[in-house]
Amino acid sequence: MDRVFTDKASGRDTSRPELTELLRFARDGDTVVVHSMDRLARNLDDLRALVQGLTRKGVRVEFVKESLVKTTTVANQQLAQSASQCPRLVLLRSGPTAPGAEPMRNRRR
């Protein structure tokens, strides 16, 4: 392992100093190991963009918790299917909440 990147900031968006440094540092033949998908990104669109950007550069992306390795540009459907197994990853949708579904902010914990 050459280098460890650890963000102390929320994964809410991709504007994180260590993530930016990781993206700058990673090169062809490298492997990026991430504990889980929701640690890299909190929504599917950001996850897709990050993984595809890395794999286009020839970087292998490994998600430990999901036992998933991506080595080539990933089809959106395949990544979405894998991401659906990650409960903390938000699948962004436009439009109103599905009929009968209560908005997240109104749910009791």
PDB file of N, CA and C in Angstrom:
ATOM      1  N   MET A   1       0.851  -1.164   0.000  1.00  0.00           N
ATOM      2  CA  MET A   1       0.000   0.000   0.000  1.00  0.00           C
ATOM      3  C   MET A   1       0.904   1.236   0.000  1.00  0.00           C
ATOM      4  N   ASP A   2       0.730   2.067  -1.013  1.00  0.00           N
ATOM      5  CA  ASP A   2       1.538   3.274  -1.128  1.00  0.00           C
ATOM      6  C   ASP A   2       1.037   4.403  -0.246  1.00  0.00           C
ATOM      7  N   ARG A   3      -0.278   4.555  -0.193  1.00  0.00           N
ATOM      8  CA  ARG A   3      -0.824   5.712   0.499  1.00  0.00           C
ATOM      9  C   ARG A   3      -2.243   5.441   0.964  1.00  0.00           C
ATOM     10  N   VAL A   4      -2.610   6.011   2.104  1.00  0.00           N
ATOM     11  CA  VAL A   4      -3.962   5.887   2.646  1.00  0.00           C
ATOM     12  C   VAL A   4      -4.585   7.282   2.641  1.00  0.00           C
ATOM     13  N   PHE A   5      -5.794   7.376   2.116  1.00  0.00           N
ATOM     14  CA  PHE A   5      -6.537   8.637   2.087  1.00  0.00           C
ATOM     15  C   PHE A   5      -7.737   8.487   3.002  1.00  0.00           C
ATOM     16  N   THR A   6      -7.867   9.379   3.969  1.00  0.00           N
ATOM     17  CA  THR A   6      -8.977   9.317   4.913  1.00  0.00           C
ATOM     18  C   THR A   6      -9.629  10.676   5.001  1.00  0.00           C
ATOM     19  N   ASP A   7     -10.909  10.733   4.669  1.00  0.00           N
ATOM     20  CA  ASP A   7     -11.659  11.989   4.784  1.00  0.00           C
ATOM     21  C   ASP A   7     -12.339  12.055   6.122  1.00  0.00           C
ATOM     22  N   LYS A   8     -12.296  13.203   6.732  1.00  0.00           N
ATOM     23  CA  LYS A   8     -13.022  13.427   7.972  1.00  0.00           C
ATOM     24  C   LYS A   8     -14.354  14.126   7.665  1.00  0.00           C
ATOM     25  N   ALA A   9     -14.496  14.597   6.435  1.00  0.00           N
ATOM     26  CA  ALA A   9     -15.714  15.287   6.000  1.00  0.00           C
ATOM     27  C   ALA A   9     -16.787  14.279   5.611  1.00  0.00           C
ATOM     28  N   SER A  10     -18.005  14.746   5.555  1.00  0.00           N
ATOM     29  CA  SER A  10     -19.134  13.916   5.151  1.00  0.00           C
ATOM     30  C   SER A  10     -18.988  13.484   3.699  1.00  0.00           C
ATOM     31  N   GLY A  11     -19.529  12.331   3.370  1.00  0.00           N
ATOM     32  CA  GLY A  11     -19.533  11.856   1.993  1.00  0.00           C
ATOM     33  C   GLY A  11     -20.680  12.436   1.194  1.00  0.00           C
ATOM     34  N   ARG A  12     -21.307  13.459   1.745  1.00  0.00           N
ATOM     35  CA  ARG A  12     -22.484  14.078   1.134  1.00  0.00           C
ATOM     36  C   ARG A  12     -22.221  14.563  -0.289  1.00  0.00           C
ATOM     37  N   ASP A  13     -21.029  15.093  -0.540  1.00  0.00           N
ATOM     38  CA  ASP A  13     -20.696  15.524  -1.894  1.00  0.00           C
ATOM     39  C   ASP A  13     -19.257  15.129  -2.215  1.00  0.00           C
ATOM     40  N   THR A  14     -18.833  15.417  -3.423  1.00  0.00           N
ATOM     41  CA  THR A  14     -17.499  14.999  -3.844  1.00  0.00           C
ATOM     42  C   THR A  14     -16.445  16.079  -3.632  1.00  0.00           C
ATOM     43  N   SER A  15     -16.807  17.178  -2.985  1.00  0.00           N
ATOM     44  CA  SER A  15     -15.849  18.251  -2.695  1.00  0.00           C
ATOM     45  C   SER A  15     -15.188  17.989  -1.345  1.00  0.00           C
ATOM     46  N   ARG A  16     -14.306  16.985  -1.328  1.00  0.00           N
ATOM     47  CA  ARG A  16     -13.610  16.605  -0.100  1.00  0.00           C
ATOM     48  C   ARG A  16     -12.115  16.590  -0.398  1.00  0.00           C
ATOM     49  N   PRO A  17     -11.304  17.188   0.468  1.00  0.00           N
ATOM     50  CA  PRO A  17      -9.872  17.320   0.200  1.00  0.00           C
ATOM     51  C   PRO A  17      -9.150  15.995  -0.069  1.00  0.00           C
ATOM     52  N   GLU A  18      -9.398  14.999   0.741  1.00  0.00           N
ATOM     53  CA  GLU A  18      -8.696  13.720   0.555  1.00  0.00           C
ATOM     54  C   GLU A  18      -9.173  12.985  -0.694  1.00  0.00           C
ATOM     55  N   LEU A  19     -10.458  13.101  -1.012  1.00  0.00           N
ATOM     56  CA  LEU A  19     -10.971  12.485  -2.239  1.00  0.00           C
ATOM     57  C   LEU A  19     -10.332  13.152  -3.452  1.00  0.00           C
ATOM     58  N   THR A  20     -10.248  14.469  -3.429  1.00  0.00           N
ATOM     59  CA  THR A  20      -9.600  15.202  -4.519  1.00  0.00           C
ATOM     60  C   THR A  20      -8.159  14.748  -4.682  1.00  0.00           C
ATOM     61  N   GLU A  21      -7.457  14.598  -3.576  1.00  0.00           N
ATOM     62  CA  GLU A  21      -6.061  14.143  -3.623  1.00  0.00           C
ATOM     63  C   GLU A  21      -5.969  12.707  -4.142  1.00  0.00           C
ATOM     64  N   LEU A  22      -6.881  11.842  -3.719  1.00  0.00           N
ATOM     65  CA  LEU A  22      -6.912  10.461  -4.212  1.00  0.00           C
ATOM     66  C   LEU A  22      -7.097  10.438  -5.726  1.00  0.00           C
ATOM     67  N   LEU A  23      -8.045  11.217  -6.223  1.00  0.00           N
ATOM     68  CA  LEU A  23      -8.313  11.244  -7.659  1.00  0.00           C
ATOM     69  C   LEU A  23      -7.111  11.766  -8.439  1.00  0.00           C
ATOM     70  N   ARG A  24      -6.378  12.687  -7.856  1.00  0.00           N
ATOM     71  CA  ARG A  24      -5.177  13.223  -8.493  1.00  0.00           C
ATOM     72  C   ARG A  24      -4.031  12.196  -8.448  1.00  0.00           C
ATOM     73  N   PHE A  25      -3.940  11.443  -7.364  1.00  0.00           N
ATOM     74  CA  PHE A  25      -2.841  10.505  -7.122  1.00  0.00           C
ATOM     75  C   PHE A  25      -2.980   9.189  -7.898  1.00  0.00           C
ATOM     76  N   ALA A  26      -4.203   8.665  -7.992  1.00  0.00           N
ATOM     77  CA  ALA A  26      -4.448   7.342  -8.602  1.00  0.00           C
ATOM     78  C   ALA A  26      -4.059   7.334 -10.075  1.00  0.00           C
ATOM     79  N   ARG A  27      -3.396   6.246 -10.474  1.00  0.00           N
ATOM     80  CA  ARG A  27      -2.944   6.125 -11.862  1.00  0.00           C
ATOM     81  C   ARG A  27      -3.126   4.683 -12.347  1.00  0.00           C
ATOM     82  N   ASP A  28      -2.925   4.492 -13.635  1.00  0.00           N
ATOM     83  CA  ASP A  28      -3.102   3.196 -14.271  1.00  0.00           C
ATOM     84  C   ASP A  28      -2.359   2.102 -13.500  1.00  0.00           C
ATOM     85  N   GLY A  29      -3.083   1.027 -13.182  1.00  0.00           N
ATOM     86  CA  GLY A  29      -2.488  -0.095 -12.468  1.00  0.00           C
ATOM     87  C   GLY A  29      -2.681  -0.041 -10.963  1.00  0.00           C
ATOM     88  N   ASP A  30      -3.149   1.101 -10.438  1.00  0.00           N
ATOM     89  CA  ASP A  30      -3.391   1.229  -8.998  1.00  0.00           C
ATOM     90  C   ASP A  30      -4.695   0.533  -8.612  1.00  0.00           C
ATOM     91  N   THR A  31      -4.819   0.224  -7.323  1.00  0.00           N
ATOM     92  CA  THR A  31      -6.068  -0.295  -6.768  1.00  0.00           C
ATOM     93  C   THR A  31      -6.513   0.637  -5.659  1.00  0.00           C
ATOM     94  N   VAL A  32      -7.755   1.079  -5.738  1.00  0.00           N
ATOM     95  CA  VAL A  32      -8.353   1.898  -4.687  1.00  0.00           C
ATOM     96  C   VAL A  32      -9.275   0.970  -3.899  1.00  0.00           C
ATOM     97  N   VAL A  33      -8.994   0.826  -2.610  1.00  0.00           N
ATOM     98  CA  VAL A  33      -9.803  -0.034  -1.742  1.00  0.00           C
ATOM     99  C   VAL A  33     -10.649   0.868  -0.854  1.00  0.00           C
ATOM    100  N   VAL A  34     -11.968   0.657  -0.911  1.00  0.00           N
ATOM    101  CA  VAL A  34     -12.919   1.469  -0.150  1.00  0.00           C
ATOM    102  C   VAL A  34     -13.715   0.529   0.743  1.00  0.00           C
ATOM    103  N   HIS A  35     -13.921   0.918   2.008  1.00  0.00           N
ATOM    104  CA  HIS A  35     -14.656   0.053   2.937  1.00  0.00           C
ATOM    105  C   HIS A  35     -16.029  -0.314   2.386  1.00  0.00           C
ATOM    106  N   SER A  36     -16.805   0.692   1.970  1.00  0.00           N
ATOM    107  CA  SER A  36     -18.119   0.415   1.386  1.00  0.00           C
ATOM    108  C   SER A  36     -18.499   1.535   0.432  1.00  0.00           C
ATOM    109  N   MET A  37     -19.453   1.249  -0.427  1.00  0.00           N
ATOM    110  CA  MET A  37     -19.869   2.228  -1.433  1.00  0.00           C
ATOM    111  C   MET A  37     -20.296   3.553  -0.819  1.00  0.00           C
ATOM    112  N   ASP A  38     -20.998   3.498   0.315  1.00  0.00           N
ATOM    113  CA  ASP A  38     -21.493   4.735   0.913  1.00  0.00           C
ATOM    114  C   ASP A  38     -20.388   5.574   1.550  1.00  0.00           C
ATOM    115  N   ARG A  39     -19.207   5.039   1.655  1.00  0.00           N
ATOM    116  CA  ARG A  39     -18.060   5.825   2.133  1.00  0.00           C
ATOM    117  C   ARG A  39     -17.446   6.634   1.003  1.00  0.00           C
ATOM    118  N   LEU A  40     -17.592   6.159  -0.233  1.00  0.00           N
ATOM    119  CA  LEU A  40     -17.053   6.877  -1.382  1.00  0.00           C
ATOM    120  C   LEU A  40     -18.021   7.963  -1.834  1.00  0.00           C
ATOM    121  N   ALA A  41     -19.310   7.660  -1.854  1.00  0.00           N
ATOM    122  CA  ALA A  41     -20.322   8.623  -2.289  1.00  0.00           C
ATOM    123  C   ALA A  41     -21.638   8.307  -1.601  1.00  0.00           C
ATOM    124  N   ARG A  42     -22.468   9.316  -1.448  1.00  0.00           N
ATOM    125  CA  ARG A  42     -23.756   9.116  -0.795  1.00  0.00           C
ATOM    126  C   ARG A  42     -24.918   9.022  -1.767  1.00  0.00           C
ATOM    127  N   ASN A  43     -24.645   9.201  -3.065  1.00  0.00           N
ATOM    128  CA  ASN A  43     -25.713   9.013  -4.035  1.00  0.00           C
ATOM    129  C   ASN A  43     -25.157   8.286  -5.258  1.00  0.00           C
ATOM    130  N   LEU A  44     -26.044   7.650  -5.976  1.00  0.00           N
ATOM    131  CA  LEU A  44     -25.658   6.786  -7.074  1.00  0.00           C
ATOM    132  C   LEU A  44     -24.967   7.548  -8.203  1.00  0.00           C
ATOM    133  N   ASP A  45     -25.430   8.759  -8.490  1.00  0.00           N
ATOM    134  CA  ASP A  45     -24.822   9.535  -9.569  1.00  0.00           C
ATOM    135  C   ASP A  45     -23.359   9.843  -9.276  1.00  0.00           C
ATOM    136  N   ASP A  46     -23.056  10.274  -8.047  1.00  0.00           N
ATOM    137  CA  ASP A  46     -21.667  10.548  -7.674  1.00  0.00           C
ATOM    138  C   ASP A  46     -20.834   9.270  -7.671  1.00  0.00           C
ATOM    139  N   LEU A  47     -21.420   8.177  -7.180  1.00  0.00           N
ATOM    140  CA  LEU A  47     -20.701   6.901  -7.153  1.00  0.00           C
ATOM    141  C   LEU A  47     -20.335   6.459  -8.564  1.00  0.00           C
ATOM    142  N   ARG A  48     -21.314   6.523  -9.467  1.00  0.00           N
ATOM    143  CA  ARG A  48     -21.054   6.163 -10.869  1.00  0.00           C
ATOM    144  C   ARG A  48     -19.923   7.002 -11.451  1.00  0.00           C
ATOM    145  N   ALA A  49     -20.022   8.311 -11.272  1.00  0.00           N
ATOM    146  CA  ALA A  49     -19.025   9.217 -11.851  1.00  0.00           C
ATOM    147  C   ALA A  49     -17.626   8.927 -11.307  1.00  0.00           C
ATOM    148  N   LEU A  50     -17.523   8.719  -9.995  1.00  0.00           N
ATOM    149  CA  LEU A  50     -16.221   8.454  -9.392  1.00  0.00           C
ATOM    150  C   LEU A  50     -15.636   7.127  -9.869  1.00  0.00           C
ATOM    151  N   VAL A  51     -16.440   6.072  -9.834  1.00  0.00           N
ATOM    152  CA  VAL A  51     -15.952   4.746 -10.233  1.00  0.00           C
ATOM    153  C   VAL A  51     -15.602   4.740 -11.720  1.00  0.00           C
ATOM    154  N   GLN A  52     -16.446   5.307 -12.543  1.00  0.00           N
ATOM    155  CA  GLN A  52     -16.158   5.322 -13.981  1.00  0.00           C
ATOM    156  C   GLN A  52     -14.931   6.164 -14.285  1.00  0.00           C
ATOM    157  N   GLY A  53     -14.773   7.296 -13.605  1.00  0.00           N
ATOM    158  CA  GLY A  53     -13.585   8.117 -13.810  1.00  0.00           C
ATOM    159  C   GLY A  53     -12.316   7.370 -13.444  1.00  0.00           C
ATOM    160  N   LEU A  54     -12.352   6.635 -12.343  1.00  0.00           N
ATOM    161  CA  LEU A  54     -11.177   5.863 -11.920  1.00  0.00           C
ATOM    162  C   LEU A  54     -10.889   4.705 -12.871  1.00  0.00           C
ATOM    163  N   THR A  55     -11.925   3.957 -13.236  1.00  0.00           N
ATOM    164  CA  THR A  55     -11.696   2.801 -14.095  1.00  0.00           C
ATOM    165  C   THR A  55     -11.249   3.210 -15.497  1.00  0.00           C
ATOM    166  N   ARG A  56     -11.706   4.363 -15.972  1.00  0.00           N
ATOM    167  CA  ARG A  56     -11.233   4.867 -17.278  1.00  0.00           C
ATOM    168  C   ARG A  56      -9.736   5.144 -17.251  1.00  0.00           C
ATOM    169  N   LYS A  57      -9.223   5.498 -16.071  1.00  0.00           N
ATOM    170  CA  LYS A  57      -7.788   5.755 -15.921  1.00  0.00           C
ATOM    171  C   LYS A  57      -7.000   4.458 -15.734  1.00  0.00           C
ATOM    172  N   GLY A  58      -7.704   3.319 -15.682  1.00  0.00           N
ATOM    173  CA  GLY A  58      -7.029   2.040 -15.493  1.00  0.00           C
ATOM    174  C   GLY A  58      -6.853   1.674 -14.033  1.00  0.00           C
ATOM    175  N   VAL A  59      -7.620   2.325 -13.164  1.00  0.00           N
ATOM    176  CA  VAL A  59      -7.547   2.080 -11.724  1.00  0.00           C
ATOM    177  C   VAL A  59      -8.593   1.038 -11.353  1.00  0.00           C
ATOM    178  N   ARG A  60      -8.206   0.080 -10.552  1.00  0.00           N
ATOM    179  CA  ARG A  60      -9.095  -0.973 -10.046  1.00  0.00           C
ATOM    180  C   ARG A  60      -9.753  -0.443  -8.780  1.00  0.00           C
ATOM    181  N   VAL A  61     -11.072  -0.578  -8.656  1.00  0.00           N
ATOM    182  CA  VAL A  61     -11.806  -0.102  -7.478  1.00  0.00           C
ATOM    183  C   VAL A  61     -12.394  -1.312  -6.764  1.00  0.00           C
ATOM    184  N   GLU A  62     -12.096  -1.427  -5.472  1.00  0.00           N
ATOM    185  CA  GLU A  62     -12.547  -2.574  -4.683  1.00  0.00           C
ATOM    186  C   GLU A  62     -13.363  -2.077  -3.492  1.00  0.00           C
ATOM    187  N   PHE A  63     -14.563  -2.618  -3.343  1.00  0.00           N
ATOM    188  CA  PHE A  63     -15.427  -2.301  -2.206  1.00  0.00           C
ATOM    189  C   PHE A  63     -15.429  -3.510  -1.277  1.00  0.00           C
ATOM    190  N   VAL A  64     -14.866  -3.363  -0.103  1.00  0.00           N
ATOM    191  CA  VAL A  64     -14.678  -4.477   0.826  1.00  0.00           C
ATOM    192  C   VAL A  64     -16.009  -5.030   1.324  1.00  0.00           C
ATOM    193  N   LYS A  65     -16.859  -4.162   1.851  1.00  0.00           N
ATOM    194  CA  LYS A  65     -18.115  -4.616   2.465  1.00  0.00           C
ATOM    195  C   LYS A  65     -19.014  -5.345   1.466  1.00  0.00           C
ATOM    196  N   GLU A  66     -19.050  -4.839   0.227  1.00  0.00           N
ATOM    197  CA  GLU A  66     -19.910  -5.441  -0.793  1.00  0.00           C
ATOM    198  C   GLU A  66     -19.222  -6.569  -1.555  1.00  0.00           C
ATOM    199  N   SER A  67     -17.961  -6.850  -1.231  1.00  0.00           N
ATOM    200  CA  SER A  67     -17.172  -7.880  -1.930  1.00  0.00           C
ATOM    201  C   SER A  67     -17.260  -7.682  -3.441  1.00  0.00           C
ATOM    202  N   LEU A  68     -16.966  -6.468  -3.866  1.00  0.00           N
ATOM    203  CA  LEU A  68     -17.143  -6.087  -5.254  1.00  0.00           C
ATOM    204  C   LEU A  68     -15.872  -5.440  -5.779  1.00  0.00           C
ATOM    205  N   VAL A  69     -15.452  -5.845  -6.970  1.00  0.00           N
ATOM    206  CA  VAL A  69     -14.264  -5.275  -7.612  1.00  0.00           C
ATOM    207  C   VAL A  69     -14.658  -4.793  -8.996  1.00  0.00           C
ATOM    208  N   LYS A  70     -14.274  -3.566  -9.314  1.00  0.00           N
ATOM    209  CA  LYS A  70     -14.533  -2.998 -10.636  1.00  0.00           C
ATOM    210  C   LYS A  70     -13.197  -2.683 -11.289  1.00  0.00           C
ATOM    211  N   THR A  71     -12.976  -3.263 -12.454  1.00  0.00           N
ATOM    212  CA  THR A  71     -11.693  -3.063 -13.132  1.00  0.00           C
ATOM    213  C   THR A  71     -11.840  -2.398 -14.491  1.00  0.00           C
ATOM    214  N   THR A  72     -13.051  -2.321 -15.012  1.00  0.00           N
ATOM    215  CA  THR A  72     -13.283  -1.676 -16.298  1.00  0.00           C
ATOM    216  C   THR A  72     -14.424  -0.701 -16.136  1.00  0.00           C
ATOM    217  N   THR A  73     -14.642   0.103 -17.143  1.00  0.00           N
ATOM    218  CA  THR A  73     -15.760   1.036 -17.082  1.00  0.00           C
ATOM    219  C   THR A  73     -17.035   0.232 -16.836  1.00  0.00           C
ATOM    220  N   VAL A  74     -17.768   0.636 -15.821  1.00  0.00           N
ATOM    221  CA  VAL A  74     -18.920  -0.125 -15.358  1.00  0.00           C
ATOM    222  C   VAL A  74     -20.207   0.396 -16.005  1.00  0.00           C
ATOM    223  N   ALA A  75     -21.029  -0.513 -16.475  1.00  0.00           N
ATOM    224  CA  ALA A  75     -22.335  -0.130 -17.006  1.00  0.00           C
ATOM    225  C   ALA A  75     -23.178   0.415 -15.861  1.00  0.00           C
ATOM    226  N   ASN A  76     -23.944   1.463 -16.128  1.00  0.00           N
ATOM    227  CA  ASN A  76     -24.773   2.084 -15.086  1.00  0.00           C
ATOM    228  C   ASN A  76     -25.694   1.074 -14.407  1.00  0.00           C
ATOM    229  N   GLN A  77     -26.280   0.188 -15.177  1.00  0.00           N
ATOM    230  CA  GLN A  77     -27.204  -0.804 -14.615  1.00  0.00           C
ATOM    231  C   GLN A  77     -26.501  -1.713 -13.608  1.00  0.00           C
ATOM    232  N   GLN A  78     -25.310  -2.175 -13.941  1.00  0.00           N
ATOM    233  CA  GLN A  78     -24.574  -3.077 -13.058  1.00  0.00           C
ATOM    234  C   GLN A  78     -24.202  -2.389 -11.754  1.00  0.00           C
ATOM    235  N   LEU A  79     -23.722  -1.152 -11.838  1.00  0.00           N
ATOM    236  CA  LEU A  79     -23.351  -0.426 -10.634  1.00  0.00           C
ATOM    237  C   LEU A  79     -24.584  -0.113  -9.789  1.00  0.00           C
ATOM    238  N   ALA A  80     -25.675   0.252 -10.433  1.00  0.00           N
ATOM    239  CA  ALA A  80     -26.917   0.543  -9.710  1.00  0.00           C
ATOM    240  C   ALA A  80     -27.415  -0.693  -8.976  1.00  0.00           C
ATOM    241  N   GLN A  81     -27.309  -1.837  -9.612  1.00  0.00           N
ATOM    242  CA  GLN A  81     -27.747  -3.081  -8.976  1.00  0.00           C
ATOM    243  C   GLN A  81     -26.900  -3.368  -7.741  1.00  0.00           C
ATOM    244  N   SER A  82     -25.599  -3.199  -7.845  1.00  0.00           N
ATOM    245  CA  SER A  82     -24.711  -3.419  -6.707  1.00  0.00           C
ATOM    246  C   SER A  82     -24.977  -2.405  -5.603  1.00  0.00           C
ATOM    247  N   ALA A  83     -25.204  -1.155  -5.995  1.00  0.00           N
ATOM    248  CA  ALA A  83     -25.433  -0.086  -5.026  1.00  0.00           C
ATOM    249  C   ALA A  83     -26.750  -0.280  -4.275  1.00  0.00           C
ATOM    250  N   SER A  84     -27.707  -0.951  -4.896  1.00  0.00           N
ATOM    251  CA  SER A  84     -28.995  -1.154  -4.232  1.00  0.00           C
ATOM    252  C   SER A  84     -28.855  -2.004  -2.967  1.00  0.00           C
ATOM    253  N   GLN A  85     -27.753  -2.711  -2.834  1.00  0.00           N
ATOM    254  CA  GLN A  85     -27.508  -3.532  -1.648  1.00  0.00           C
ATOM    255  C   GLN A  85     -26.918  -2.714  -0.493  1.00  0.00           C
ATOM    256  N   CYS A  86     -26.623  -1.450  -0.753  1.00  0.00           N
ATOM    257  CA  CYS A  86     -26.001  -0.586   0.246  1.00  0.00           C
ATOM    258  C   CYS A  86     -27.075   0.347   0.817  1.00  0.00           C
ATOM    259  N   PRO A  87     -27.583   0.082   2.015  1.00  0.00           N
ATOM    260  CA  PRO A  87     -28.734   0.816   2.530  1.00  0.00           C
ATOM    261  C   PRO A  87     -28.503   2.302   2.765  1.00  0.00           C
ATOM    262  N   ARG A  88     -27.259   2.733   2.982  1.00  0.00           N
ATOM    263  CA  ARG A  88     -27.022   4.142   3.259  1.00  0.00           C
ATOM    264  C   ARG A  88     -26.770   4.957   1.995  1.00  0.00           C
ATOM    265  N   LEU A  89     -26.704   4.325   0.848  1.00  0.00           N
ATOM    266  CA  LEU A  89     -26.488   5.026  -0.404  1.00  0.00           C
ATOM    267  C   LEU A  89     -27.829   5.516  -0.918  1.00  0.00           C
ATOM    268  N   VAL A  90     -27.923   6.780  -1.218  1.00  0.00           N
ATOM    269  CA  VAL A  90     -29.176   7.380  -1.647  1.00  0.00           C
ATOM    270  C   VAL A  90     -29.287   7.270  -3.163  1.00  0.00           C
ATOM    271  N   LEU A  91     -30.381   6.703  -3.611  1.00  0.00           N
ATOM    272  CA  LEU A  91     -30.657   6.643  -5.040  1.00  0.00           C
ATOM    273  C   LEU A  91     -31.505   7.870  -5.354  1.00  0.00           C
ATOM    274  N   LEU A  92     -30.902   8.850  -6.006  1.00  0.00           N
ATOM    275  CA  LEU A  92     -31.592  10.105  -6.276  1.00  0.00           C
ATOM    276  C   LEU A  92     -32.670   9.913  -7.322  1.00  0.00           C
ATOM    277  N   ARG A  93     -33.825  10.499  -7.064  1.00  0.00           N
ATOM    278  CA  ARG A  93     -34.929  10.466  -8.010  1.00  0.00           C
ATOM    279  C   ARG A  93     -35.470  11.869  -8.140  1.00  0.00           C
ATOM    280  N   SER A  94     -35.912  12.199  -9.326  1.00  0.00           N
ATOM    281  CA  SER A  94     -36.594  13.472  -9.475  1.00  0.00           C
ATOM    282  C   SER A  94     -38.083  13.191  -9.435  1.00  0.00           C
ATOM    283  N   GLY A  95     -38.839  14.199  -9.071  1.00  0.00           N
ATOM    284  CA  GLY A  95     -40.283  14.032  -9.027  1.00  0.00           C
ATOM    285  C   GLY A  95     -40.773  13.752  -7.623  1.00  0.00           C
ATOM    286  N   PRO A  96     -42.069  13.597  -7.478  1.00  0.00           N
ATOM    287  CA  PRO A  96     -42.668  13.397  -6.152  1.00  0.00           C
ATOM    288  C   PRO A  96     -42.352  12.025  -5.577  1.00  0.00           C
ATOM    289  N   THR A  97     -42.572  11.907  -4.288  1.00  0.00           N
ATOM    290  CA  THR A  97     -42.401  10.635  -3.604  1.00  0.00           C
ATOM    291  C   THR A  97     -43.410   9.642  -4.163  1.00  0.00           C
ATOM    292  N   ALA A  98     -43.027   8.394  -4.231  1.00  0.00           N
ATOM    293  CA  ALA A  98     -43.912   7.349  -4.748  1.00  0.00           C
ATOM    294  C   ALA A  98     -45.218   7.339  -3.958  1.00  0.00           C
ATOM    295  N   PRO A  99     -46.340   7.037  -4.623  1.00  0.00           N
ATOM    296  CA  PRO A  99     -47.636   7.009  -3.937  1.00  0.00           C
ATOM    297  C   PRO A  99     -47.605   6.088  -2.719  1.00  0.00           C
ATOM    298  N   GLY A 100     -48.089   6.595  -1.620  1.00  0.00           N
ATOM    299  CA  GLY A 100     -48.149   5.807  -0.393  1.00  0.00           C
ATOM    300  C   GLY A 100     -46.867   5.812   0.403  1.00  0.00           C
ATOM    301  N   ALA A 101     -45.806   6.336  -0.164  1.00  0.00           N
ATOM    302  CA  ALA A 101     -44.527   6.381   0.555  1.00  0.00           C
ATOM    303  C   ALA A 101     -44.401   7.718   1.265  1.00  0.00           C
ATOM    304  N   GLU A 102     -44.019   7.654   2.488  1.00  0.00           N
ATOM    305  CA  GLU A 102     -43.861   8.852   3.296  1.00  0.00           C
ATOM    306  C   GLU A 102     -42.483   9.457   3.045  1.00  0.00           C
ATOM    307  N   PRO A 103     -42.381  10.783   2.857  1.00  0.00           N
ATOM    308  CA  PRO A 103     -41.053  11.384   2.675  1.00  0.00           C
ATOM    309  C   PRO A 103     -40.143  11.059   3.844  1.00  0.00           C
ATOM    310  N   MET A 104     -38.850  10.863   3.576  1.00  0.00           N
ATOM    311  CA  MET A 104     -37.865  10.473   4.572  1.00  0.00           C
ATOM    312  C   MET A 104     -37.883  11.399   5.786  1.00  0.00           C
ATOM    313  N   ARG A 105     -37.998  12.705   5.558  1.00  0.00           N
ATOM    314  CA  ARG A 105     -37.938  13.651   6.677  1.00  0.00           C
ATOM    315  C   ARG A 105     -39.107  13.519   7.654  1.00  0.00           C
ATOM    316  N   ASN A 106     -40.207  12.865   7.226  1.00  0.00           N
ATOM    317  CA  ASN A 106     -41.368  12.725   8.094  1.00  0.00           C
ATOM    318  C   ASN A 106     -41.408  11.399   8.848  1.00  0.00           C
ATOM    319  N   ARG A 107     -40.478  10.521   8.540  1.00  0.00           N
ATOM    320  CA  ARG A 107     -40.474   9.204   9.206  1.00  0.00           C
ATOM    321  C   ARG A 107     -39.916   9.330  10.622  1.00  0.00           C
ATOM    322  N   ARG A 108     -40.480   8.566  11.514  1.00  0.00           N
ATOM    323  CA  ARG A 108     -39.940   8.491  12.881  1.00  0.00           C
ATOM    324  C   ARG A 108     -38.902   7.420  12.952  1.00  0.00           C
ATOM    325  N   ARG A 109     -37.925   7.620  13.799  1.00  0.00           N
ATOM    326  CA  ARG A 109     -36.866   6.617  13.961  1.00  0.00           C
ATOM    327  C   ARG A 109     -37.146   5.738  15.131  1.00  0.00           C
TER     328      ARG A 109
END
